[in-house]
């Protein structure tokens, strides 16, 4: 399992509300949704350095 690091994220209120709604629709936490979104876009851009064994996408 990969080590996770906490950090503060500043995000505008409308964008956060949209992410929260999407997360609820997918039965994920907001944090899990953001991690899933970042993992997905990094994979698509071929910028993910290696395949983590425990990605949010695998935990759907």
PDB file of N, CA and C in Angstrom:
ATOM      1  N   UNK A   1       0.838  -1.178   0.000  1.00  0.00           N
ATOM      2  CA  UNK A   1       0.000   0.000   0.000  1.00  0.00           C
ATOM      3  C   UNK A   1       0.883   1.242   0.000  1.00  0.00           C
ATOM      4  N   UNK A   2       0.495   2.240  -0.748  1.00  0.00           N
ATOM      5  CA  UNK A   2       1.288   3.463  -0.850  1.00  0.00           C
ATOM      6  C   UNK A   2       1.101   4.354   0.386  1.00  0.00           C
ATOM      7  N   UNK A   3       2.132   5.115   0.678  1.00  0.00           N
ATOM      8  CA  UNK A   3       2.082   6.060   1.784  1.00  0.00           C
ATOM      9  C   UNK A   3       1.340   7.305   1.311  1.00  0.00           C
ATOM     10  N   UNK A   4       0.451   7.825   2.128  1.00  0.00           N
ATOM     11  CA  UNK A   4      -0.317   9.015   1.761  1.00  0.00           C
ATOM     12  C   UNK A   4       0.158  10.198   2.575  1.00  0.00           C
ATOM     13  N   UNK A   5       0.197  11.352   1.942  1.00  0.00           N
ATOM     14  CA  UNK A   5       0.630  12.572   2.597  1.00  0.00           C
ATOM     15  C   UNK A   5      -0.525  13.571   2.580  1.00  0.00           C
ATOM     16  N   UNK A   6      -0.794  14.166   3.709  1.00  0.00           N
ATOM     17  CA  UNK A   6      -1.853  15.166   3.817  1.00  0.00           C
ATOM     18  C   UNK A   6      -1.313  16.536   3.416  1.00  0.00           C
ATOM     19  N   UNK A   7      -2.168  17.338   2.773  1.00  0.00           N
ATOM     20  CA  UNK A   7      -1.806  18.719   2.452  1.00  0.00           C
ATOM     21  C   UNK A   7      -3.081  19.536   2.318  1.00  0.00           C
ATOM     22  N   UNK A   8      -2.948  20.835   2.508  1.00  0.00           N
ATOM     23  CA  UNK A   8      -4.101  21.734   2.399  1.00  0.00           C
ATOM     24  C   UNK A   8      -4.372  22.048   0.929  1.00  0.00           C
ATOM     25  N   UNK A   9      -5.624  22.126   0.575  1.00  0.00           N
ATOM     26  CA  UNK A   9      -6.016  22.455  -0.795  1.00  0.00           C
ATOM     27  C   UNK A   9      -6.981  23.629  -0.747  1.00  0.00           C
ATOM     28  N   UNK A  10      -6.645  24.674  -1.439  1.00  0.00           N
ATOM     29  CA  UNK A  10      -7.555  25.818  -1.562  1.00  0.00           C
ATOM     30  C   UNK A  10      -8.317  25.658  -2.873  1.00  0.00           C
ATOM     31  N   UNK A  11      -9.636  25.714  -2.781  1.00  0.00           N
ATOM     32  CA  UNK A  11     -10.480  25.461  -3.952  1.00  0.00           C
ATOM     33  C   UNK A  11     -11.708  26.369  -3.846  1.00  0.00           C
ATOM     34  N   UNK A  12     -12.164  26.880  -4.978  1.00  0.00           N
ATOM     35  CA  UNK A  12     -13.323  27.768  -4.888  1.00  0.00           C
ATOM     36  C   UNK A  12     -14.577  26.970  -4.526  1.00  0.00           C
ATOM     37  N   UNK A  13     -15.506  27.642  -3.904  1.00  0.00           N
ATOM     38  CA  UNK A  13     -16.677  26.996  -3.322  1.00  0.00           C
ATOM     39  C   UNK A  13     -17.528  26.257  -4.362  1.00  0.00           C
ATOM     40  N   UNK A  14     -17.722  26.837  -5.523  1.00  0.00           N
ATOM     41  CA  UNK A  14     -18.552  26.195  -6.551  1.00  0.00           C
ATOM     42  C   UNK A  14     -17.901  24.901  -7.041  1.00  0.00           C
ATOM     43  N   UNK A  15     -16.595  24.931  -7.232  1.00  0.00           N
ATOM     44  CA  UNK A  15     -15.877  23.743  -7.683  1.00  0.00           C
ATOM     45  C   UNK A  15     -15.948  22.649  -6.617  1.00  0.00           C
ATOM     46  N   UNK A  16     -15.774  23.016  -5.357  1.00  0.00           N
ATOM     47  CA  UNK A  16     -15.858  22.044  -4.272  1.00  0.00           C
ATOM     48  C   UNK A  16     -17.249  21.424  -4.209  1.00  0.00           C
ATOM     49  N   UNK A  17     -18.276  22.231  -4.338  1.00  0.00           N
ATOM     50  CA  UNK A  17     -19.650  21.708  -4.313  1.00  0.00           C
ATOM     51  C   UNK A  17     -19.865  20.690  -5.432  1.00  0.00           C
ATOM     52  N   UNK A  18     -19.338  20.973  -6.622  1.00  0.00           N
ATOM     53  CA  UNK A  18     -19.476  20.051  -7.750  1.00  0.00           C
ATOM     54  C   UNK A  18     -18.749  18.733  -7.471  1.00  0.00           C
ATOM     55  N   UNK A  19     -17.560  18.814  -6.897  1.00  0.00           N
ATOM     56  CA  UNK A  19     -16.803  17.602  -6.565  1.00  0.00           C
ATOM     57  C   UNK A  19     -17.526  16.815  -5.471  1.00  0.00           C
ATOM     58  N   UNK A  20     -18.045  17.504  -4.468  1.00  0.00           N
ATOM     59  CA  UNK A  20     -18.783  16.835  -3.391  1.00  0.00           C
ATOM     60  C   UNK A  20     -20.011  16.100  -3.937  1.00  0.00           C
ATOM     61  N   UNK A  21     -20.720  16.734  -4.854  1.00  0.00           N
ATOM     62  CA  UNK A  21     -21.905  16.106  -5.462  1.00  0.00           C
ATOM     63  C   UNK A  21     -21.513  14.869  -6.254  1.00  0.00           C
ATOM     64  N   UNK A  22     -20.456  14.977  -7.061  1.00  0.00           N
ATOM     65  CA  UNK A  22     -19.976  13.841  -7.851  1.00  0.00           C
ATOM     66  C   UNK A  22     -19.540  12.709  -6.919  1.00  0.00           C
ATOM     67  N   UNK A  23     -18.828  13.051  -5.861  1.00  0.00           N
ATOM     68  CA  UNK A  23     -18.372  12.047  -4.893  1.00  0.00           C
ATOM     69  C   UNK A  23     -19.569  11.314  -4.280  1.00  0.00           C
ATOM     70  N   UNK A  24     -20.584  12.056  -3.883  1.00  0.00           N
ATOM     71  CA  UNK A  24     -21.778  11.440  -3.296  1.00  0.00           C
ATOM     72  C   UNK A  24     -22.465  10.516  -4.305  1.00  0.00           C
ATOM     73  N   UNK A  25     -22.546  10.943  -5.553  1.00  0.00           N
ATOM     74  CA  UNK A  25     -23.152  10.119  -6.609  1.00  0.00           C
ATOM     75  C   UNK A  25     -22.394   8.810  -6.818  1.00  0.00           C
ATOM     76  N   UNK A  26     -21.077   8.825  -6.579  1.00  0.00           N
ATOM     77  CA  UNK A  26     -20.212   7.657  -6.787  1.00  0.00           C
ATOM     78  C   UNK A  26     -19.955   6.898  -5.482  1.00  0.00           C
ATOM     79  N   UNK A  27     -20.596   7.318  -4.387  1.00  0.00           N
ATOM     80  CA  UNK A  27     -20.415   6.700  -3.073  1.00  0.00           C
ATOM     81  C   UNK A  27     -18.956   6.743  -2.617  1.00  0.00           C
ATOM     82  N   UNK A  28     -18.303   7.894  -2.848  1.00  0.00           N
ATOM     83  CA  UNK A  28     -16.931   8.118  -2.406  1.00  0.00           C
ATOM     84  C   UNK A  28     -16.907   9.323  -1.482  1.00  0.00           C
ATOM     85  N   UNK A  29     -15.829   9.421  -0.700  1.00  0.00           N
ATOM     86  CA  UNK A  29     -15.599  10.642   0.066  1.00  0.00           C
ATOM     87  C   UNK A  29     -15.128  11.713  -0.918  1.00  0.00           C
ATOM     88  N   UNK A  30     -15.201  12.960  -0.507  1.00  0.00           N
ATOM     89  CA  UNK A  30     -14.696  14.051  -1.351  1.00  0.00           C
ATOM     90  C   UNK A  30     -13.207  13.860  -1.609  1.00  0.00           C
ATOM     91  N   UNK A  31     -12.462  13.518  -0.555  1.00  0.00           N
ATOM     92  CA  UNK A  31     -11.034  13.278  -0.708  1.00  0.00           C
ATOM     93  C   UNK A  31     -10.778  12.129  -1.688  1.00  0.00           C
ATOM     94  N   UNK A  32     -11.522  11.044  -1.543  1.00  0.00           N
ATOM     95  CA  UNK A  32     -11.379   9.901  -2.448  1.00  0.00           C
ATOM     96  C   UNK A  32     -11.697  10.271  -3.884  1.00  0.00           C
ATOM     97  N   UNK A  33     -12.701  11.123  -4.078  1.00  0.00           N
ATOM     98  CA  UNK A  33     -13.069  11.558  -5.424  1.00  0.00           C
ATOM     99  C   UNK A  33     -11.952  12.383  -6.053  1.00  0.00           C
ATOM    100  N   UNK A  34     -11.377  13.307  -5.289  1.00  0.00           N
ATOM    101  CA  UNK A  34     -10.287  14.136  -5.806  1.00  0.00           C
ATOM    102  C   UNK A  34      -9.093  13.255  -6.157  1.00  0.00           C
ATOM    103  N   UNK A  35      -8.776  12.279  -5.292  1.00  0.00           N
ATOM    104  CA  UNK A  35      -7.658  11.370  -5.561  1.00  0.00           C
ATOM    105  C   UNK A  35      -7.938  10.546  -6.823  1.00  0.00           C
ATOM    106  N   UNK A  36      -9.163  10.065  -6.975  1.00  0.00           N
ATOM    107  CA  UNK A  36      -9.542   9.296  -8.162  1.00  0.00           C
ATOM    108  C   UNK A  36      -9.400  10.148  -9.427  1.00  0.00           C
ATOM    109  N   UNK A  37      -9.868  11.411  -9.352  1.00  0.00           N
ATOM    110  CA  UNK A  37      -9.793  12.316 -10.503  1.00  0.00           C
ATOM    111  C   UNK A  37      -8.337  12.580 -10.893  1.00  0.00           C
ATOM    112  N   UNK A  38      -7.501  12.844  -9.907  1.00  0.00           N
ATOM    113  CA  UNK A  38      -6.090  13.115 -10.183  1.00  0.00           C
ATOM    114  C   UNK A  38      -5.397  11.883 -10.771  1.00  0.00           C
ATOM    115  N   UNK A  39      -5.674  10.713 -10.211  1.00  0.00           N
ATOM    116  CA  UNK A  39      -5.078   9.477 -10.726  1.00  0.00           C
ATOM    117  C   UNK A  39      -5.493   9.245 -12.170  1.00  0.00           C
ATOM    118  N   UNK A  40      -6.784   9.438 -12.447  1.00  0.00           N
ATOM    119  CA  UNK A  40      -7.315   9.224 -13.803  1.00  0.00           C
ATOM    120  C   UNK A  40      -6.637  10.147 -14.818  1.00  0.00           C
ATOM    121  N   UNK A  41      -6.548  11.413 -14.502  1.00  0.00           N
ATOM    122  CA  UNK A  41      -5.971  12.365 -15.457  1.00  0.00           C
ATOM    123  C   UNK A  41      -4.471  12.150 -15.620  1.00  0.00           C
ATOM    124  N   UNK A  42      -3.785  11.771 -14.546  1.00  0.00           N
ATOM    125  CA  UNK A  42      -2.348  11.478 -14.646  1.00  0.00           C
ATOM    126  C   UNK A  42      -2.100  10.238 -15.502  1.00  0.00           C
ATOM    127  N   UNK A  43      -2.935   9.212 -15.369  1.00  0.00           N
ATOM    128  CA  UNK A  43      -2.810   8.015 -16.216  1.00  0.00           C
ATOM    129  C   UNK A  43      -3.030   8.383 -17.680  1.00  0.00           C
ATOM    130  N   UNK A  44      -4.086   9.152 -17.951  1.00  0.00           N
ATOM    131  CA  UNK A  44      -4.399   9.537 -19.324  1.00  0.00           C
ATOM    132  C   UNK A  44      -3.273  10.353 -19.957  1.00  0.00           C
ATOM    133  N   UNK A  45      -2.602  11.167 -19.155  1.00  0.00           N
ATOM    134  CA  UNK A  45      -1.501  11.997 -19.647  1.00  0.00           C
ATOM    135  C   UNK A  45      -0.170  11.253 -19.615  1.00  0.00           C
ATOM    136  N   UNK A  46      -0.209   9.986 -19.191  1.00  0.00           N
ATOM    137  CA  UNK A  46       0.996   9.162 -19.063  1.00  0.00           C
ATOM    138  C   UNK A  46       2.048   9.845 -18.196  1.00  0.00           C
ATOM    139  N   UNK A  47       1.592  10.419 -17.085  1.00  0.00           N
ATOM    140  CA  UNK A  47       2.476  11.120 -16.154  1.00  0.00           C
ATOM    141  C   UNK A  47       2.508  10.458 -14.781  1.00  0.00           C
ATOM    142  N   UNK A  48       1.842   9.317 -14.646  1.00  0.00           N
ATOM    143  CA  UNK A  48       1.881   8.590 -13.385  1.00  0.00           C
ATOM    144  C   UNK A  48       3.182   7.793 -13.365  1.00  0.00           C
ATOM    145  N   UNK A  49       4.086   8.062 -12.409  1.00  0.00           N
ATOM    146  CA  UNK A  49       5.412   7.445 -12.421  1.00  0.00           C
ATOM    147  C   UNK A  49       5.393   5.921 -12.359  1.00  0.00           C
ATOM    148  N   UNK A  50       4.520   5.332 -11.564  1.00  0.00           N
ATOM    149  CA  UNK A  50       4.383   3.879 -11.509  1.00  0.00           C
ATOM    150  C   UNK A  50       2.976   3.551 -11.061  1.00  0.00           C
ATOM    151  N   UNK A  51       2.576   2.336 -11.271  1.00  0.00           N
ATOM    152  CA  UNK A  51       1.226   1.926 -10.909  1.00  0.00           C
ATOM    153  C   UNK A  51       1.151   1.620  -9.421  1.00  0.00           C
ATOM    154  N   UNK A  52       0.490   2.468  -8.636  1.00  0.00           N
ATOM    155  CA  UNK A  52       0.307   2.127  -7.216  1.00  0.00           C
ATOM    156  C   UNK A  52      -0.566   0.884  -7.103  1.00  0.00           C
ATOM    157  N   UNK A  53      -0.357   0.107  -6.080  1.00  0.00           N
ATOM    158  CA  UNK A  53      -1.130  -1.132  -5.910  1.00  0.00           C
ATOM    159  C   UNK A  53      -2.524  -0.861  -5.369  1.00  0.00           C
ATOM    160  N   UNK A  54      -2.726   0.298  -4.731  1.00  0.00           N
ATOM    161  CA  UNK A  54      -4.015   0.599  -4.123  1.00  0.00           C
ATOM    162  C   UNK A  54      -4.496   1.970  -4.590  1.00  0.00           C
ATOM    163  N   UNK A  55      -5.002   2.045  -5.817  1.00  0.00           N
ATOM    164  CA  UNK A  55      -5.468   3.319  -6.348  1.00  0.00           C
ATOM    165  C   UNK A  55      -6.962   3.464  -6.114  1.00  0.00           C
ATOM    166  N   UNK A  56      -7.458   4.690  -6.049  1.00  0.00           N
ATOM    167  CA  UNK A  56      -8.902   4.897  -5.866  1.00  0.00           C
ATOM    168  C   UNK A  56      -9.720   4.229  -6.967  1.00  0.00           C
ATOM    169  N   UNK A  57      -9.170   4.193  -8.190  1.00  0.00           N
ATOM    170  CA  UNK A  57      -9.898   3.600  -9.296  1.00  0.00           C
ATOM    171  C   UNK A  57     -10.119   2.098  -9.057  1.00  0.00           C
ATOM    172  N   UNK A  58      -9.145   1.434  -8.439  1.00  0.00           N
ATOM    173  CA  UNK A  58      -9.268   0.013  -8.155  1.00  0.00           C
ATOM    174  C   UNK A  58     -10.203  -0.272  -7.000  1.00  0.00           C
ATOM    175  N   UNK A  59     -10.561   0.750  -6.232  1.00  0.00           N
ATOM    176  CA  UNK A  59     -11.392   0.571  -5.051  1.00  0.00           C
ATOM    177  C   UNK A  59     -12.840   0.930  -5.287  1.00  0.00           C
ATOM    178  N   UNK A  60     -13.282   0.994  -6.517  1.00  0.00           N
ATOM    179  CA  UNK A  60     -14.666   1.370  -6.789  1.00  0.00           C
ATOM    180  C   UNK A  60     -15.617   0.315  -6.311  1.00  0.00           C
TER     181      UNK A  60
END
